[in-house]
C-alpha atoms as a PDB file:
ATOM      1  CA  MET A   1     229.449 113.768  -1.712  1.00  0.00           C
ATOM      2  CA  THR A   2     227.316 110.554  -3.151  1.00  0.00           C
ATOM      3  CA  LYS A   3     230.478 108.845  -3.749  1.00  0.00           C
ATOM      4  CA  LEU A   4     231.897 109.267  -0.238  1.00  0.00           C
ATOM      5  CA  LEU A   5     229.160 108.003   1.353  1.00  0.00           C
ATOM      6  CA  SER A   6     228.417 104.891  -0.771  1.00  0.00           C
ATOM      7  CA  ARG A   7     232.080 104.509   0.181  1.00  0.00           C
ATOM      8  CA  PHE A   8     231.462 104.751   3.749  1.00  0.00           C
ATOM      9  CA  TYR A   9     228.201 102.338   3.373  1.00  0.00           C
ATOM     10  CA  LYS A  10     230.016  99.721   1.944  1.00  0.00           C
ATOM     11  CA  ASP A  11     232.914  99.817   4.369  1.00  0.00           C
ATOM     12  CA  GLU A  12     232.839  96.977   6.496  1.00  0.00           C
ATOM     13  CA  SER A  13     236.596  96.934   7.998  1.00  0.00           C
ATOM     14  CA  GLY A  14     234.728  97.441  11.574  1.00  0.00           C
ATOM     15  CA  ALA A  15     232.131  94.842  11.809  1.00  0.00           C
ATOM     16  CA  THR A  16     235.012  92.375  12.388  1.00  0.00           C
ATOM     17  CA  ALA A  17     235.927  94.366  15.975  1.00  0.00           C
ATOM     18  CA  ILE A  18     232.338  94.665  16.539  1.00  0.00           C
ATOM     19  CA  GLU A  19     232.005  90.636  16.044  1.00  0.00           C
ATOM     20  CA  TYR A  20     234.809  89.935  18.210  1.00  0.00           C
ATOM     21  CA  GLY A  21     233.405  91.931  20.770  1.00  0.00           C
ATOM     22  CA  LEU A  22     230.265  90.251  20.938  1.00  0.00           C
ATOM     23  CA  ILE A  23     231.653  86.915  21.145  1.00  0.00           C
ATOM     24  CA  ALA A  24     233.700  88.070  24.129  1.00  0.00           C
ATOM     25  CA  THR A  25     230.719  89.355  25.920  1.00  0.00           C
ATOM     26  CA  LEU A  26     228.898  86.195  25.366  1.00  0.00           C
ATOM     27  CA  ILE A  27     231.984  84.213  26.670  1.00  0.00           C
ATOM     28  CA  ALA A  28     232.171  86.400  29.830  1.00  0.00           C
ATOM     29  CA  ILE A  29     228.897  86.050  30.227  1.00  0.00           C
ATOM     30  CA  ALA A  30     228.731  81.974  30.574  1.00  0.00           C
ATOM     31  CA  ILE A  31     232.178  82.405  32.437  1.00  0.00           C
ATOM     32  CA  ILE A  32     230.244  84.611  34.932  1.00  0.00           C
ATOM     33  CA  ALA A  33     226.915  82.418  35.220  1.00  0.00           C
ATOM     34  CA  SER A  34     228.970  79.216  35.443  1.00  0.00           C
ATOM     35  CA  ALA A  35     231.075  80.896  38.135  1.00  0.00           C
ATOM     36  CA  ARG A  36     227.888  81.808  40.136  1.00  0.00           C
ATOM     37  CA  LEU A  37     226.325  78.379  39.887  1.00  0.00           C
ATOM     38  CA  VAL A  38     229.369  76.934  40.961  1.00  0.00           C
ATOM     39  CA  GLY A  39     229.876  79.244  43.958  1.00  0.00           C
ATOM     40  CA  THR A  40     225.926  78.239  44.830  1.00  0.00           C
ATOM     41  CA  ASN A  41     226.892  74.306  44.817  1.00  0.00           C
ATOM     42  CA  LEU A  42     229.941  74.928  46.880  1.00  0.00           C
ATOM     43  CA  ILE A  43     228.280  76.665  49.287  1.00  0.00           C
ATOM     44  CA  ALA A  44     225.324  74.423  49.808  1.00  0.00           C
ATOM     45  CA  ARG A  45     227.662  71.633  49.848  1.00  0.00           C
ATOM     46  CA  PHE A  46     229.943  73.579  52.715  1.00  0.00           C
ATOM     47  CA  THR A  47     227.199  74.463  54.504  1.00  0.00           C
ATOM     48  CA  ASP A  48     225.855  70.182  54.627  1.00  0.00           C
ATOM     49  CA  VAL A  49     229.397  69.256  55.645  1.00  0.00           C
ATOM     50  CA  SER A  50     229.618  71.772  58.429  1.00  0.00           C
ATOM     51  CA  THR A  51     226.015  70.545  59.605  1.00  0.00           C
ATOM     52  CA  ALA A  52     226.724  67.001  59.546  1.00  0.00           C
ATOM     53  CA  LEU A  53     230.095  67.641  61.235  1.00  0.00           C
ATOM     54  CA  ASP A  54     228.459  69.944  63.820  1.00  0.00           C
ATOM     55  CA  VAL A  55     229.191  67.868  67.411  1.00  0.00           C
ATOM     56  CA  THR A  56     227.471  69.639  70.285  1.00  0.00           C
ATOM     57  CA  THR A  57     228.598  69.020  73.746  1.00  0.00           C
ATOM     58  CA  PRO A  58     227.094  68.213  76.562  1.00  0.00           C
END
């Protein structure tokens, strides 16, 4: 039983999959954050352009 537990404790085969999962999660968070930032800036820019082009008719 102790041999089985020590073998289980030393087994690191799942560690790589967990590391890849964490890396993928961090990349996804960075992409989402940058997309939100770009989206917010685009909305502000288009609002400025729309306001500048808005012509009132007499």
